[in-house]
């Protein structure tokens, strides 16, 4: 199983980023996926979850008006569109399913 996140970077507050997670080694289209993040000194937080066919998702209240999870099952890829970013969104973001998660991508939002 491989999960490779990308798309992070340094942005000013109010900016946008689109994270991607390319996957392989399992049946992506049948697997509910999630984005998680971990800020410095903080615990791991589940940000957003989407079911296998993309018909259902859940995003935490603190970002649900700004972040959108989606997937392309033809490309075995998970996405997280992040708009109106805030400094408190700064964290390492990774994707995963069940108890598996891949390497993350760093998002830094400057004020």
N, C-alpha and C. Protein backbone atom coordinates (compact mmCIF):
# COMPACT_ATOMS: atom_id res chain seq x y z
N UNK A 1 0.85 -1.20 0.00
CA UNK A 1 0.00 0.00 0.00
C UNK A 1 0.89 1.25 0.00
N UNK A 2 0.56 2.16 -0.90
CA UNK A 2 1.28 3.44 -0.94
C UNK A 2 0.29 4.58 -0.96
N UNK A 3 0.59 5.59 -0.16
CA UNK A 3 -0.22 6.79 -0.07
C UNK A 3 0.75 7.97 -0.09
N UNK A 4 0.73 8.75 -1.14
CA UNK A 4 1.68 9.84 -1.27
C UNK A 4 0.96 11.16 -1.43
N UNK A 5 1.04 11.97 -0.38
CA UNK A 5 0.40 13.29 -0.41
C UNK A 5 1.35 14.33 -0.98
N UNK A 6 0.78 15.32 -1.64
CA UNK A 6 1.55 16.43 -2.19
C UNK A 6 0.66 17.66 -2.28
N UNK A 7 1.26 18.79 -2.59
CA UNK A 7 0.49 20.01 -2.79
C UNK A 7 0.61 21.02 -1.67
N UNK A 8 1.30 20.66 -0.60
CA UNK A 8 1.48 21.60 0.49
C UNK A 8 2.44 22.71 0.11
N UNK A 9 2.58 23.66 1.01
CA UNK A 9 3.48 24.78 0.77
C UNK A 9 3.24 25.90 1.73
N UNK A 10 3.86 27.04 1.43
CA UNK A 10 3.72 28.25 2.26
C UNK A 10 2.78 29.22 1.56
N UNK A 11 1.73 29.61 2.25
CA UNK A 11 0.78 30.56 1.69
C UNK A 11 0.44 31.61 2.73
N UNK A 12 -0.02 32.76 2.27
CA UNK A 12 -0.51 33.79 3.17
C UNK A 12 -1.93 33.45 3.61
N UNK A 13 -2.31 33.96 4.75
CA UNK A 13 -3.68 33.80 5.22
C UNK A 13 -4.64 34.29 4.14
N UNK A 14 -5.70 33.52 3.93
CA UNK A 14 -6.66 33.83 2.88
C UNK A 14 -6.38 33.12 1.57
N UNK A 15 -5.24 32.52 1.47
CA UNK A 15 -4.87 31.82 0.25
C UNK A 15 -5.48 30.43 0.16
N UNK A 16 -5.17 29.75 -0.93
CA UNK A 16 -5.74 28.43 -1.20
C UNK A 16 -4.64 27.43 -1.57
N UNK A 17 -4.90 26.20 -1.27
CA UNK A 17 -4.05 25.09 -1.71
C UNK A 17 -4.94 23.90 -2.05
N UNK A 18 -4.46 23.07 -2.96
CA UNK A 18 -5.15 21.82 -3.27
C UNK A 18 -4.19 20.66 -3.01
N UNK A 19 -4.52 19.86 -2.05
CA UNK A 19 -3.70 18.70 -1.74
C UNK A 19 -4.17 17.50 -2.56
N UNK A 20 -3.22 16.67 -2.94
CA UNK A 20 -3.51 15.44 -3.65
C UNK A 20 -2.88 14.27 -2.90
N UNK A 21 -3.49 13.12 -2.99
CA UNK A 21 -2.92 11.91 -2.41
C UNK A 21 -3.08 10.79 -3.44
N UNK A 22 -1.98 10.42 -4.04
CA UNK A 22 -1.98 9.34 -5.02
C UNK A 22 -1.78 8.02 -4.29
N UNK A 23 -2.63 7.06 -4.62
CA UNK A 23 -2.60 5.80 -3.88
C UNK A 23 -2.38 4.60 -4.79
N UNK A 24 -1.96 3.50 -4.21
CA UNK A 24 -1.81 2.25 -4.95
C UNK A 24 -1.74 1.11 -3.94
N UNK A 25 -1.99 -0.09 -4.45
CA UNK A 25 -1.83 -1.28 -3.62
C UNK A 25 -3.09 -1.75 -2.91
N UNK A 26 -4.20 -1.11 -3.17
CA UNK A 26 -5.47 -1.56 -2.59
C UNK A 26 -6.58 -1.08 -3.52
N UNK A 27 -7.80 -1.55 -3.25
CA UNK A 27 -8.94 -1.20 -4.11
C UNK A 27 -9.49 0.15 -3.68
N UNK A 28 -8.94 1.19 -4.28
CA UNK A 28 -9.25 2.56 -3.87
C UNK A 28 -10.74 2.86 -3.94
N UNK A 29 -11.38 2.45 -5.02
CA UNK A 29 -12.78 2.82 -5.24
C UNK A 29 -13.72 2.21 -4.21
N UNK A 30 -13.27 1.22 -3.50
CA UNK A 30 -14.11 0.58 -2.49
C UNK A 30 -13.73 0.99 -1.08
N UNK A 31 -12.85 1.96 -0.97
CA UNK A 31 -12.29 2.30 0.34
C UNK A 31 -12.64 3.73 0.74
N UNK A 32 -13.25 3.87 1.90
CA UNK A 32 -13.46 5.20 2.46
C UNK A 32 -12.11 5.79 2.85
N UNK A 33 -11.90 7.04 2.51
CA UNK A 33 -10.61 7.67 2.73
C UNK A 33 -10.77 8.90 3.62
N UNK A 34 -9.67 9.32 4.20
CA UNK A 34 -9.72 10.48 5.07
C UNK A 34 -8.44 11.30 4.94
N UNK A 35 -8.59 12.58 5.23
CA UNK A 35 -7.45 13.48 5.39
C UNK A 35 -7.28 13.73 6.88
N UNK A 36 -6.04 13.70 7.32
CA UNK A 36 -5.71 13.98 8.70
C UNK A 36 -4.65 15.07 8.73
N UNK A 37 -4.53 15.73 9.87
CA UNK A 37 -3.47 16.72 10.02
C UNK A 37 -2.92 16.69 11.44
N UNK A 38 -1.69 17.12 11.54
CA UNK A 38 -1.05 17.21 12.84
C UNK A 38 -0.22 18.48 12.89
N UNK A 39 -0.64 19.39 13.75
CA UNK A 39 0.09 20.63 13.96
C UNK A 39 1.23 20.39 14.95
N UNK A 40 2.24 21.23 14.94
CA UNK A 40 3.36 21.07 15.88
C UNK A 40 2.88 21.03 17.33
N UNK A 41 3.27 20.00 18.06
CA UNK A 41 2.90 19.89 19.46
C UNK A 41 1.48 19.45 19.71
N UNK A 42 0.76 19.12 18.64
CA UNK A 42 -0.63 18.72 18.79
C UNK A 42 -0.81 17.26 18.37
N UNK A 43 -1.99 16.72 18.69
CA UNK A 43 -2.30 15.36 18.28
C UNK A 43 -2.80 15.29 16.86
N UNK A 44 -2.99 14.09 16.39
CA UNK A 44 -3.48 13.87 15.05
C UNK A 44 -4.98 14.18 15.01
N UNK A 45 -5.40 14.92 13.98
CA UNK A 45 -6.79 15.33 13.86
C UNK A 45 -7.35 14.86 12.52
N UNK A 46 -8.49 14.21 12.54
CA UNK A 46 -9.14 13.81 11.29
C UNK A 46 -9.91 15.00 10.75
N UNK A 47 -9.57 15.44 9.59
CA UNK A 47 -10.15 16.65 9.01
C UNK A 47 -11.39 16.33 8.19
N UNK A 48 -11.30 15.33 7.35
CA UNK A 48 -12.41 15.07 6.43
C UNK A 48 -12.37 13.61 5.98
N UNK A 49 -13.58 13.06 5.75
CA UNK A 49 -13.73 11.67 5.33
C UNK A 49 -14.67 11.61 4.15
N UNK A 50 -14.41 10.69 3.24
CA UNK A 50 -15.28 10.51 2.08
C UNK A 50 -15.46 9.01 1.84
N UNK A 51 -16.66 8.62 1.41
CA UNK A 51 -16.89 7.20 1.17
C UNK A 51 -16.33 6.79 -0.19
N UNK A 52 -16.47 5.52 -0.51
CA UNK A 52 -15.78 4.97 -1.66
C UNK A 52 -16.19 5.57 -3.00
N UNK A 53 -17.49 5.83 -3.15
CA UNK A 53 -17.95 6.37 -4.43
C UNK A 53 -18.13 7.88 -4.41
N UNK A 54 -17.73 8.50 -3.32
CA UNK A 54 -17.76 9.95 -3.25
C UNK A 54 -19.12 10.57 -3.01
N UNK A 55 -20.11 9.76 -2.64
CA UNK A 55 -21.46 10.28 -2.46
C UNK A 55 -21.71 10.82 -1.06
N UNK A 56 -20.80 10.57 -0.15
CA UNK A 56 -20.96 11.03 1.23
C UNK A 56 -19.63 11.51 1.74
N UNK A 57 -19.64 12.58 2.49
CA UNK A 57 -18.42 13.05 3.13
C UNK A 57 -18.76 13.77 4.43
N UNK A 58 -17.76 13.88 5.26
CA UNK A 58 -17.92 14.63 6.51
C UNK A 58 -16.64 15.40 6.76
N UNK A 59 -16.81 16.66 7.13
CA UNK A 59 -15.67 17.54 7.40
C UNK A 59 -15.89 18.21 8.75
N UNK A 60 -14.84 18.34 9.52
CA UNK A 60 -14.97 18.93 10.86
C UNK A 60 -15.45 20.37 10.78
N UNK A 61 -16.15 20.78 11.82
CA UNK A 61 -16.81 22.08 11.82
C UNK A 61 -15.84 23.24 11.60
N UNK A 62 -14.65 23.13 12.13
CA UNK A 62 -13.72 24.26 12.07
C UNK A 62 -13.26 24.60 10.65
N UNK A 63 -13.43 23.68 9.71
CA UNK A 63 -12.98 23.94 8.35
C UNK A 63 -14.04 23.64 7.30
N UNK A 64 -15.21 23.20 7.68
CA UNK A 64 -16.16 22.67 6.70
C UNK A 64 -16.63 23.72 5.70
N UNK A 65 -16.57 24.98 6.04
CA UNK A 65 -16.96 26.02 5.09
C UNK A 65 -15.81 26.43 4.17
N UNK A 66 -14.63 25.86 4.40
CA UNK A 66 -13.45 26.28 3.64
C UNK A 66 -12.76 25.11 2.93
N UNK A 67 -12.91 23.90 3.44
CA UNK A 67 -12.23 22.73 2.87
C UNK A 67 -13.24 21.81 2.19
N UNK A 68 -12.84 21.22 1.07
CA UNK A 68 -13.69 20.27 0.36
C UNK A 68 -12.88 19.03 0.00
N UNK A 69 -13.37 17.88 0.42
CA UNK A 69 -12.73 16.61 0.07
C UNK A 69 -13.39 16.06 -1.19
N UNK A 70 -12.59 15.42 -2.03
CA UNK A 70 -13.12 14.79 -3.23
C UNK A 70 -12.17 13.67 -3.64
N UNK A 71 -12.61 12.91 -4.64
CA UNK A 71 -11.78 11.80 -5.09
C UNK A 71 -12.01 11.55 -6.56
N UNK A 72 -11.00 10.98 -7.20
CA UNK A 72 -11.10 10.53 -8.58
C UNK A 72 -10.73 9.05 -8.59
N UNK A 73 -11.73 8.21 -8.64
CA UNK A 73 -11.47 6.77 -8.55
C UNK A 73 -10.76 6.24 -9.79
N UNK A 74 -10.91 6.92 -10.90
CA UNK A 74 -10.19 6.51 -12.10
C UNK A 74 -8.69 6.75 -11.99
N UNK A 75 -8.31 7.68 -11.11
CA UNK A 75 -6.90 8.00 -10.92
C UNK A 75 -6.38 7.54 -9.56
N UNK A 76 -7.23 6.86 -8.80
CA UNK A 76 -6.85 6.41 -7.45
C UNK A 76 -6.27 7.55 -6.62
N UNK A 77 -6.92 8.69 -6.71
CA UNK A 77 -6.39 9.90 -6.07
C UNK A 77 -7.45 10.59 -5.23
N UNK A 78 -7.01 11.02 -4.07
CA UNK A 78 -7.84 11.76 -3.12
C UNK A 78 -7.39 13.21 -3.12
N UNK A 79 -8.34 14.14 -2.95
CA UNK A 79 -8.01 15.57 -2.97
C UNK A 79 -8.57 16.27 -1.73
N UNK A 80 -7.95 17.39 -1.41
CA UNK A 80 -8.49 18.29 -0.39
C UNK A 80 -8.27 19.71 -0.89
N UNK A 81 -9.36 20.35 -1.26
CA UNK A 81 -9.30 21.76 -1.65
C UNK A 81 -9.45 22.61 -0.40
N UNK A 82 -8.46 23.47 -0.16
CA UNK A 82 -8.46 24.29 1.04
C UNK A 82 -8.46 25.76 0.64
N UNK A 83 -9.51 26.46 1.01
CA UNK A 83 -9.66 27.87 0.68
C UNK A 83 -9.64 28.72 1.94
N UNK A 84 -9.37 30.00 1.78
CA UNK A 84 -9.38 30.93 2.90
C UNK A 84 -8.58 30.36 4.08
N UNK A 85 -7.38 29.96 3.80
CA UNK A 85 -6.55 29.33 4.82
C UNK A 85 -6.21 30.30 5.95
N UNK A 86 -6.11 29.73 7.14
CA UNK A 86 -5.81 30.50 8.34
C UNK A 86 -4.52 29.96 8.97
N UNK A 87 -3.83 30.78 9.74
CA UNK A 87 -2.59 30.28 10.39
C UNK A 87 -2.81 29.02 11.21
N UNK A 88 -3.97 28.88 11.80
CA UNK A 88 -4.25 27.68 12.60
C UNK A 88 -4.43 26.42 11.77
N UNK A 89 -4.47 26.56 10.45
CA UNK A 89 -4.52 25.40 9.56
C UNK A 89 -3.13 24.83 9.29
N UNK A 90 -2.11 25.51 9.74
CA UNK A 90 -0.74 25.04 9.53
C UNK A 90 -0.54 23.68 10.20
N UNK A 91 -0.07 22.71 9.43
CA UNK A 91 0.10 21.35 9.93
C UNK A 91 0.69 20.49 8.83
N UNK A 92 1.07 19.29 9.21
CA UNK A 92 1.38 18.26 8.22
C UNK A 92 0.07 17.53 7.91
N UNK A 93 -0.27 17.48 6.64
CA UNK A 93 -1.50 16.82 6.19
C UNK A 93 -1.14 15.50 5.52
N UNK A 94 -1.90 14.46 5.86
CA UNK A 94 -1.69 13.16 5.21
C UNK A 94 -3.04 12.52 4.95
N UNK A 95 -3.04 11.54 4.07
CA UNK A 95 -4.27 10.81 3.79
C UNK A 95 -4.15 9.40 4.35
N UNK A 96 -5.29 8.75 4.50
CA UNK A 96 -5.26 7.40 5.04
C UNK A 96 -6.60 6.73 4.99
N UNK A 97 -6.61 5.48 5.41
CA UNK A 97 -7.83 4.72 5.57
C UNK A 97 -7.61 3.72 6.68
N UNK A 98 -8.68 3.41 7.38
CA UNK A 98 -8.57 2.54 8.57
C UNK A 98 -7.42 3.05 9.45
N UNK A 99 -6.48 2.20 9.75
CA UNK A 99 -5.36 2.61 10.60
C UNK A 99 -4.10 2.89 9.80
N UNK A 100 -4.26 3.03 8.49
CA UNK A 100 -3.11 3.24 7.62
C UNK A 100 -3.07 4.69 7.16
N UNK A 101 -1.92 5.30 7.21
CA UNK A 101 -1.77 6.64 6.65
C UNK A 101 -0.40 6.76 6.02
N UNK A 102 -0.34 7.65 5.03
CA UNK A 102 0.91 7.80 4.30
C UNK A 102 1.72 8.97 4.80
N UNK A 103 2.79 9.24 4.08
CA UNK A 103 3.61 10.40 4.39
C UNK A 103 2.82 11.66 4.10
N UNK A 104 3.09 12.67 4.86
CA UNK A 104 2.32 13.89 4.75
C UNK A 104 2.98 14.97 3.92
N UNK A 105 2.24 16.05 3.76
CA UNK A 105 2.75 17.24 3.09
C UNK A 105 2.52 18.42 4.02
N UNK A 106 3.52 19.29 4.11
CA UNK A 106 3.48 20.39 5.08
C UNK A 106 2.76 21.60 4.51
N UNK A 107 1.81 22.08 5.28
CA UNK A 107 1.09 23.31 4.96
C UNK A 107 1.44 24.36 6.01
N UNK A 108 1.94 25.50 5.56
CA UNK A 108 2.26 26.59 6.46
C UNK A 108 1.52 27.84 6.00
N UNK A 109 0.74 28.40 6.89
CA UNK A 109 -0.05 29.59 6.57
C UNK A 109 0.48 30.75 7.40
N UNK A 110 0.96 31.75 6.72
CA UNK A 110 1.49 32.92 7.43
C UNK A 110 0.40 33.97 7.61
N UNK A 111 0.52 34.71 8.69
CA UNK A 111 -0.50 35.73 8.99
C UNK A 111 -0.17 37.05 8.33
